[in-house]
N, C-alpha and C. Protein backbone atom coordinates (compact mmCIF):
# COMPACT_ATOMS: atom_id res chain seq x y z
N MET A 1 1.19 -0.86 -0.12
CA MET A 1 -0.12 -0.68 0.22
C MET A 1 1.15 0.90 -0.04
N TYR A 2 0.87 1.92 -1.02
CA TYR A 2 1.17 3.21 -0.68
C TYR A 2 0.46 4.43 -1.55
N ALA A 3 0.85 5.69 -1.06
CA ALA A 3 0.25 7.24 -0.87
C ALA A 3 1.03 7.85 -1.87
N ILE A 4 -0.54 9.13 -2.51
CA ILE A 4 1.12 10.00 -2.92
C ILE A 4 0.10 11.55 -2.01
N VAL A 5 1.40 12.23 -0.59
CA VAL A 5 0.58 13.12 -0.73
C VAL A 5 1.57 14.60 -0.08
N ASP A 6 1.31 15.70 0.31
CA ASP A 6 1.53 16.35 0.06
C ASP A 6 1.88 17.11 1.47
N ILE A 7 3.56 16.84 1.63
CA ILE A 7 4.40 16.94 2.87
C ILE A 7 4.82 18.79 2.50
N ALA A 8 4.88 19.28 3.89
CA ALA A 8 4.92 21.17 3.08
C ALA A 8 5.42 21.46 1.99
N GLY A 9 4.69 21.38 1.57
CA GLY A 9 4.58 22.22 0.08
C GLY A 9 4.89 20.69 -1.22
N GLN A 10 5.69 19.40 -1.22
CA GLN A 10 5.54 18.61 -1.84
C GLN A 10 5.04 17.68 -2.29
N GLN A 11 4.97 16.96 -2.87
CA GLN A 11 4.27 15.70 -2.97
C GLN A 11 4.79 14.36 -2.98
N PHE A 12 5.02 13.45 -2.16
CA PHE A 12 5.51 12.52 -2.23
C PHE A 12 5.38 11.34 -1.84
N LYS A 13 5.83 10.49 -2.88
CA LYS A 13 4.96 9.38 -3.09
C LYS A 13 5.70 7.81 -0.56
N VAL A 14 4.55 7.93 -0.21
CA VAL A 14 5.25 7.39 0.90
C VAL A 14 4.52 5.59 1.43
N GLU A 15 4.47 4.53 1.94
CA GLU A 15 4.62 3.98 2.40
C GLU A 15 4.91 3.73 4.30
N LYS A 16 3.59 2.71 3.91
CA LYS A 16 3.78 2.71 5.63
C LYS A 16 6.02 2.24 6.57
N GLY A 17 6.41 2.69 7.27
CA GLY A 17 6.97 2.29 7.63
C GLY A 17 8.13 3.18 6.39
N GLN A 18 8.74 3.99 6.16
CA GLN A 18 9.04 5.00 5.06
C GLN A 18 9.62 5.61 6.37
N GLU A 19 10.97 5.36 6.01
CA GLU A 19 11.63 6.97 6.28
C GLU A 19 11.98 7.90 4.99
N LEU A 20 12.04 9.47 5.60
CA LEU A 20 12.07 10.38 4.85
C LEU A 20 12.73 12.08 4.82
N PHE A 21 13.28 12.72 4.46
CA PHE A 21 13.87 14.05 4.92
C PHE A 21 12.94 14.98 4.13
N VAL A 22 12.50 15.56 4.68
CA VAL A 22 11.29 16.22 4.05
C VAL A 22 11.56 17.88 4.97
N HIS A 23 11.84 18.41 4.07
CA HIS A 23 11.42 20.90 4.42
C HIS A 23 10.94 20.49 5.80
N ARG A 24 11.66 21.33 6.70
CA ARG A 24 11.96 21.83 8.07
C ARG A 24 10.14 22.01 9.02
N LEU A 25 9.01 21.17 9.39
CA LEU A 25 8.70 20.59 10.23
C LEU A 25 8.59 21.26 11.88
N GLU A 26 6.99 21.93 11.60
CA GLU A 26 7.40 22.38 12.79
C GLU A 26 6.85 21.06 13.79
N GLY A 27 7.06 21.29 15.24
CA GLY A 27 7.11 20.33 16.24
C GLY A 27 8.21 19.62 16.73
N GLU A 28 7.98 19.70 17.54
CA GLU A 28 9.36 18.93 18.47
C GLU A 28 9.89 16.80 18.22
N LYS A 29 10.95 17.22 18.92
CA LYS A 29 11.22 15.84 18.47
C LYS A 29 10.38 14.53 18.47
N GLY A 30 9.69 13.69 18.01
CA GLY A 30 8.08 12.55 18.57
C GLY A 30 7.48 12.37 18.92
N ALA A 31 7.13 14.23 17.72
CA ALA A 31 5.40 14.74 18.28
C ALA A 31 4.94 13.67 16.57
N LYS A 32 3.81 13.37 16.59
CA LYS A 32 2.53 12.89 15.74
C LYS A 32 2.39 13.75 15.22
N LEU A 33 2.01 14.24 13.77
CA LEU A 33 1.90 15.11 12.90
C LEU A 33 0.67 14.30 12.39
N ASP A 34 -0.59 14.20 12.19
CA ASP A 34 -1.42 13.57 10.64
C ASP A 34 -1.68 15.15 9.24
N PHE A 35 -0.92 14.20 8.61
CA PHE A 35 -1.30 15.35 6.99
C PHE A 35 -2.10 14.21 6.38
N ASP A 36 -3.01 15.56 5.95
CA ASP A 36 -4.41 14.86 4.68
C ASP A 36 -4.74 15.37 3.49
N LYS A 37 -3.89 15.95 2.58
CA LYS A 37 -4.09 16.04 2.12
C LYS A 37 -2.92 15.42 1.02
N VAL A 38 -3.57 13.89 0.72
CA VAL A 38 -3.54 12.97 0.49
C VAL A 38 -4.02 13.07 -1.06
N MET A 39 -3.36 12.88 -2.34
CA MET A 39 -3.66 13.20 -3.77
C MET A 39 -4.26 11.67 -4.43
N LEU A 40 -2.91 10.27 -4.22
CA LEU A 40 -3.59 9.16 -4.42
C LEU A 40 -3.66 8.58 -3.56
N ILE A 41 -3.93 6.61 -3.08
CA ILE A 41 -3.93 6.44 -2.11
C ILE A 41 -3.57 4.36 -3.32
N ASP A 42 -2.89 3.97 -3.26
CA ASP A 42 -2.43 2.74 -4.04
C ASP A 42 -3.57 1.98 -2.18
N HIS A 43 -3.77 0.06 -2.60
CA HIS A 43 -4.34 -1.08 -1.94
C HIS A 43 -5.04 -1.75 -2.44
N GLU A 44 -3.38 -2.52 -2.87
CA GLU A 44 -3.63 -4.12 -3.52
C GLU A 44 -3.66 -3.94 -5.40
N GLY A 45 -3.54 -3.30 -5.75
CA GLY A 45 -4.32 -2.97 -7.54
C GLY A 45 -5.26 -1.87 -6.88
N LYS A 46 -5.63 -1.57 -6.28
CA LYS A 46 -6.95 -0.13 -6.73
C LYS A 46 -6.52 0.90 -6.11
N THR A 47 -6.81 1.75 -7.19
CA THR A 47 -6.34 2.81 -6.74
C THR A 47 -7.22 3.56 -6.93
N THR A 48 -7.57 4.95 -5.75
CA THR A 48 -8.50 5.80 -5.14
C THR A 48 -7.38 7.51 -6.02
N VAL A 49 -8.15 7.58 -6.33
CA VAL A 49 -7.05 9.34 -7.21
C VAL A 49 -8.63 10.14 -6.18
N GLY A 50 -7.97 11.61 -6.00
CA GLY A 50 -8.65 12.68 -5.07
C GLY A 50 -9.01 13.27 -6.25
N THR A 51 -9.79 13.89 -6.06
CA THR A 51 -10.24 15.33 -6.31
C THR A 51 -10.05 17.21 -6.35
N PRO A 52 -8.84 17.75 -5.46
CA PRO A 52 -7.61 17.06 -6.07
C PRO A 52 -7.39 15.84 -4.72
N VAL A 53 -7.96 16.35 -3.71
CA VAL A 53 -7.43 15.30 -2.79
C VAL A 53 -8.51 14.11 -2.04
N ILE A 54 -7.92 13.53 -1.50
CA ILE A 54 -9.42 12.65 -0.97
C ILE A 54 -10.01 12.53 -0.15
N LYS A 55 -10.80 12.97 -0.18
CA LYS A 55 -12.04 13.12 1.36
C LYS A 55 -11.73 12.17 2.68
N GLY A 56 -10.87 12.21 4.06
CA GLY A 56 -11.36 11.44 4.98
C GLY A 56 -9.65 10.77 5.60
N ALA A 57 -8.82 10.17 4.47
CA ALA A 57 -7.91 9.92 4.33
C ALA A 57 -6.87 11.55 4.83
N HIS A 58 -5.77 10.50 5.29
CA HIS A 58 -4.82 11.37 6.47
C HIS A 58 -3.27 10.25 6.36
N VAL A 59 -2.13 10.70 5.65
CA VAL A 59 -0.77 9.80 6.88
C VAL A 59 -0.66 10.16 7.86
N GLU A 60 -0.56 9.44 8.44
CA GLU A 60 0.22 9.45 9.99
C GLU A 60 1.21 9.72 10.10
N GLY A 61 2.70 10.00 11.18
CA GLY A 61 3.71 9.68 11.18
C GLY A 61 4.46 10.58 11.69
N THR A 62 4.72 10.21 12.26
CA THR A 62 5.81 11.17 13.47
C THR A 62 7.38 11.24 13.29
N ILE A 63 8.17 12.83 13.85
CA ILE A 63 9.02 13.15 13.97
C ILE A 63 10.66 12.89 14.81
N LEU A 64 11.16 12.33 13.61
CA LEU A 64 12.21 11.34 14.22
C LEU A 64 13.79 12.49 14.72
N GLU A 65 14.14 13.90 13.83
CA GLU A 65 14.89 14.67 13.99
C GLU A 65 14.67 15.35 13.49
N HIS A 66 15.54 16.56 14.12
CA HIS A 66 15.26 17.59 13.24
C HIS A 66 17.31 17.54 12.17
N LEU A 67 17.54 18.47 11.61
CA LEU A 67 18.47 17.92 10.65
C LEU A 67 19.35 19.06 9.91
N ARG A 68 20.31 18.99 9.26
CA ARG A 68 20.88 20.44 8.47
C ARG A 68 20.96 19.38 7.54
N GLY A 69 21.11 19.17 5.98
CA GLY A 69 21.32 19.03 5.18
C GLY A 69 23.02 19.50 5.46
N ASP A 70 23.45 18.28 3.77
CA ASP A 70 24.87 18.49 3.09
C ASP A 70 25.21 19.96 2.16
N LYS A 71 26.51 20.74 2.94
CA LYS A 71 26.52 22.14 2.62
C LYS A 71 27.04 22.28 0.98
N LEU A 72 26.12 23.30 -0.05
CA LEU A 72 25.98 23.35 -1.39
C LEU A 72 26.89 24.34 -1.61
N PHE A 73 27.89 24.91 -1.83
CA PHE A 73 28.18 25.34 -2.41
C PHE A 73 27.80 26.06 -3.46
N VAL A 74 27.41 27.04 -4.02
CA VAL A 74 27.45 28.26 -5.25
C VAL A 74 29.45 29.63 -5.22
N PHE A 75 29.22 28.89 -7.00
CA PHE A 75 30.27 29.77 -7.08
C PHE A 75 29.68 30.35 -8.41
N LYS A 76 29.99 31.59 -8.50
CA LYS A 76 29.17 32.49 -9.64
C LYS A 76 31.22 33.55 -10.42
N LYS A 77 31.02 33.17 -11.42
CA LYS A 77 32.64 34.18 -11.94
C LYS A 77 31.49 34.68 -13.38
N LYS A 78 31.83 35.38 -13.76
CA LYS A 78 32.38 36.67 -14.55
C LYS A 78 33.73 36.00 -15.94
N ARG A 79 34.13 35.62 -16.95
CA ARG A 79 35.58 35.39 -16.72
C ARG A 79 36.11 37.10 -17.55
N ARG A 80 36.86 37.47 -17.36
CA ARG A 80 37.17 38.71 -18.06
C ARG A 80 37.17 39.01 -17.30
N LYS A 81 36.41 40.41 -15.93
CA LYS A 81 36.06 40.95 -15.58
C LYS A 81 35.89 41.41 -15.07
N GLY A 82 37.09 39.78 -14.03
CA GLY A 82 37.52 40.08 -12.64
C GLY A 82 36.58 39.65 -10.95
N TYR A 83 35.19 39.21 -11.63
CA TYR A 83 33.98 38.51 -10.95
C TYR A 83 33.46 37.65 -9.70
N LYS A 84 34.19 37.47 -9.04
CA LYS A 84 33.78 36.52 -8.98
C LYS A 84 32.66 35.75 -7.76
N LYS A 85 32.59 34.85 -7.13
CA LYS A 85 31.46 34.95 -5.88
C LYS A 85 31.68 33.71 -4.89
N PHE A 86 31.68 34.25 -3.63
CA PHE A 86 31.58 32.04 -3.75
C PHE A 86 30.56 31.79 -1.88
N ASN A 87 29.91 31.30 -2.28
CA ASN A 87 28.32 31.80 -1.26
C ASN A 87 28.12 29.48 -0.77
N GLY A 88 28.07 29.06 0.00
CA GLY A 88 27.71 28.50 1.38
C GLY A 88 26.64 28.21 1.86
N HIS A 89 25.52 26.93 1.40
CA HIS A 89 24.66 27.54 1.87
C HIS A 89 23.48 25.82 2.58
N ARG A 90 23.25 25.89 3.50
CA ARG A 90 22.45 24.03 4.24
C ARG A 90 20.70 24.14 3.82
N GLN A 91 20.65 23.63 3.75
CA GLN A 91 19.26 23.32 3.54
C GLN A 91 18.72 22.70 5.45
N TYR A 92 17.30 23.02 6.05
CA TYR A 92 16.88 22.57 7.15
C TYR A 92 16.45 21.92 7.06
N LEU A 93 16.68 19.93 7.44
CA LEU A 93 15.69 18.92 6.94
C LEU A 93 15.54 18.67 8.34
N SER A 94 14.10 17.95 8.65
CA SER A 94 13.32 16.43 9.36
C SER A 94 13.21 15.21 9.01
N LEU A 95 12.85 14.93 10.48
CA LEU A 95 13.96 13.38 9.39
C LEU A 95 12.20 12.13 9.76
N LEU A 96 11.56 12.27 9.12
CA LEU A 96 10.54 11.63 8.84
C LEU A 96 9.35 10.48 8.66
N LYS A 97 9.24 9.80 10.31
CA LYS A 97 8.64 8.48 10.19
C LYS A 97 6.79 8.38 10.32
N ILE A 98 7.38 7.37 8.62
CA ILE A 98 5.03 6.88 8.35
C ILE A 98 5.25 6.35 9.16
N GLU A 99 4.11 6.97 9.71
CA GLU A 99 3.21 5.58 11.18
C GLU A 99 2.36 4.35 10.58
N ASP A 100 1.36 5.16 9.43
CA ASP A 100 -0.08 4.83 8.84
C ASP A 100 -0.65 5.40 7.47
N ILE A 101 -1.37 4.58 6.86
CA ILE A 101 -1.52 5.79 6.11
C ILE A 101 -3.74 5.33 5.91
N VAL A 102 -4.32 6.06 6.67
CA VAL A 102 -5.88 5.60 6.78
C VAL A 102 -5.93 5.48 5.25
N GLU A 103 -6.97 4.88 5.58
CA GLU A 103 -8.18 5.95 3.61
C GLU A 103 -9.44 5.31 4.41
N LYS A 104 -9.75 6.51 4.48
CA LYS A 104 -11.39 6.00 4.99
C LYS A 104 -12.43 7.12 3.85
N VAL A 105 -12.75 6.44 2.93
CA VAL A 105 -13.57 6.59 1.71
C VAL A 105 -14.97 6.23 1.62
N SER A 106 -15.71 7.25 1.87
CA SER A 106 -17.10 7.62 1.94
C SER A 106 -17.44 6.66 0.94
N LYS A 107 -18.02 4.78 0.45
CA LYS A 107 -19.01 4.64 -1.02
C LYS A 107 -19.52 5.41 -1.77
N PRO A 108 -19.57 6.02 -2.65
CA PRO A 108 -20.91 6.96 -3.70
C PRO A 108 -21.65 5.45 -3.92
N ARG A 109 -22.50 6.31 -3.99
CA ARG A 109 -24.37 4.67 -4.53
C ARG A 109 -23.59 5.15 -5.54
N SER A 110 -24.58 4.33 -6.06
CA SER A 110 -24.64 3.91 -7.69
C SER A 110 -24.38 4.41 -8.68
N LYS A 111 -24.97 4.55 -9.45
CA LYS A 111 -25.38 5.05 -11.31
C LYS A 111 -26.48 5.24 -11.09
N LYS A 112 -27.00 3.72 -10.84
CA LYS A 112 -28.61 3.62 -11.63
C LYS A 112 -29.80 3.91 -10.53
N ALA A 113 -29.11 4.18 -9.35
CA ALA A 113 -29.69 4.33 -8.15
C ALA A 113 -30.07 5.96 -8.12
N THR A 114 -28.43 6.53 -8.41
CA THR A 114 -28.78 8.11 -8.83
C THR A 114 -29.48 8.46 -9.91
N ALA A 115 -29.15 8.08 -10.39
CA ALA A 115 -29.92 8.16 -11.90
C ALA A 115 -32.21 7.72 -11.53
N ALA A 116 -32.60 7.15 -10.38
CA ALA A 116 -33.52 6.76 -9.90
C ALA A 116 -33.77 7.33 -9.69
N SER A 117 -33.28 7.77 -9.17
CA SER A 117 -32.87 8.86 -7.57
C SER A 117 -34.46 10.29 -8.65
N VAL A 118 -32.87 10.76 -9.53
CA VAL A 118 -33.30 12.51 -9.72
C VAL A 118 -34.59 12.23 -10.83
N GLU A 119 -34.81 11.18 -11.92
CA GLU A 119 -35.61 11.28 -12.27
C GLU A 119 -36.95 11.90 -11.58
N GLU A 120 -37.47 10.72 -10.45
CA GLU A 120 -38.25 10.36 -8.99
C GLU A 120 -38.48 11.79 -9.21
N SER A 121 -37.12 12.68 -8.71
CA SER A 121 -37.54 14.62 -8.18
C SER A 121 -37.76 15.24 -9.41
N ALA A 122 -37.43 15.15 -10.82
CA ALA A 122 -37.53 15.87 -11.24
C ALA A 122 -38.59 15.64 -11.61
N ALA A 123 -39.83 15.04 -11.57
CA ALA A 123 -40.86 14.53 -12.12
C ALA A 123 -41.85 15.40 -11.79
N PRO A 124 -41.77 15.34 -10.43
CA PRO A 124 -43.50 16.60 -9.85
C PRO A 124 -43.50 17.57 -10.07
N GLU A 125 -41.40 18.08 -10.42
CA GLU A 125 -40.89 19.43 -10.69
C GLU A 125 -41.66 19.47 -12.35
N ALA A 126 -41.61 19.33 -13.39
CA ALA A 126 -41.42 19.18 -14.33
C ALA A 126 -43.26 19.25 -14.96
N ILE A 127 -43.77 18.67 -14.16
CA ILE A 127 -45.21 18.60 -14.12
C ILE A 127 -45.88 19.65 -14.02
N GLN A 128 -45.98 20.89 -12.85
CA GLN A 128 -45.59 21.89 -11.69
C GLN A 128 -45.63 22.33 -12.74
N LYS A 129 -44.40 22.71 -13.01
CA LYS A 129 -44.18 24.10 -14.17
C LYS A 129 -45.14 23.43 -15.17
N ASN A 130 -45.21 22.92 -15.93
CA ASN A 130 -46.32 22.23 -17.53
C ASN A 130 -47.96 22.93 -17.00
N ASP A 131 -48.36 22.16 -15.36
CA ASP A 131 -49.29 23.40 -14.38
C ASP A 131 -49.56 24.49 -14.60
N ASN A 132 -48.15 24.99 -14.74
CA ASN A 132 -48.42 26.39 -14.29
C ASN A 132 -48.50 27.21 -15.46
N LEU A 133 -47.90 27.16 -16.88
CA LEU A 133 -48.13 27.38 -17.76
C LEU A 133 -49.52 27.07 -18.44
N ILE A 134 -50.33 26.37 -18.47
CA ILE A 134 -50.79 26.37 -19.38
C ILE A 134 -52.21 27.20 -18.98
């Protein structure tokens, strides 16, 4: 079972028990978080796609630790101009463990039942409209 979920503005494909690095999240080490922006869930070949999210579904996770990523170097140079600029950057990250993927999808009514109920409710209104016109 896996899900595609929006965590801190990025979409991740997650599975139960998976550990992943995400942009720094609010909360202390060991805090439990629920992510309700679940866009897709695949459970044993049965795929549920949200429009844009699946109502009632959420992913539970725990913050394992806060840390900083590797240092990235940014070097800018314009040749023959004497311009050189050297800078560095480290991203703040959180290590997150996915505890569970919860799928609570209400079953939609069948198309036949929906079509029949629409016809029944529309019929009296159509009769009333026709009587008013006569």
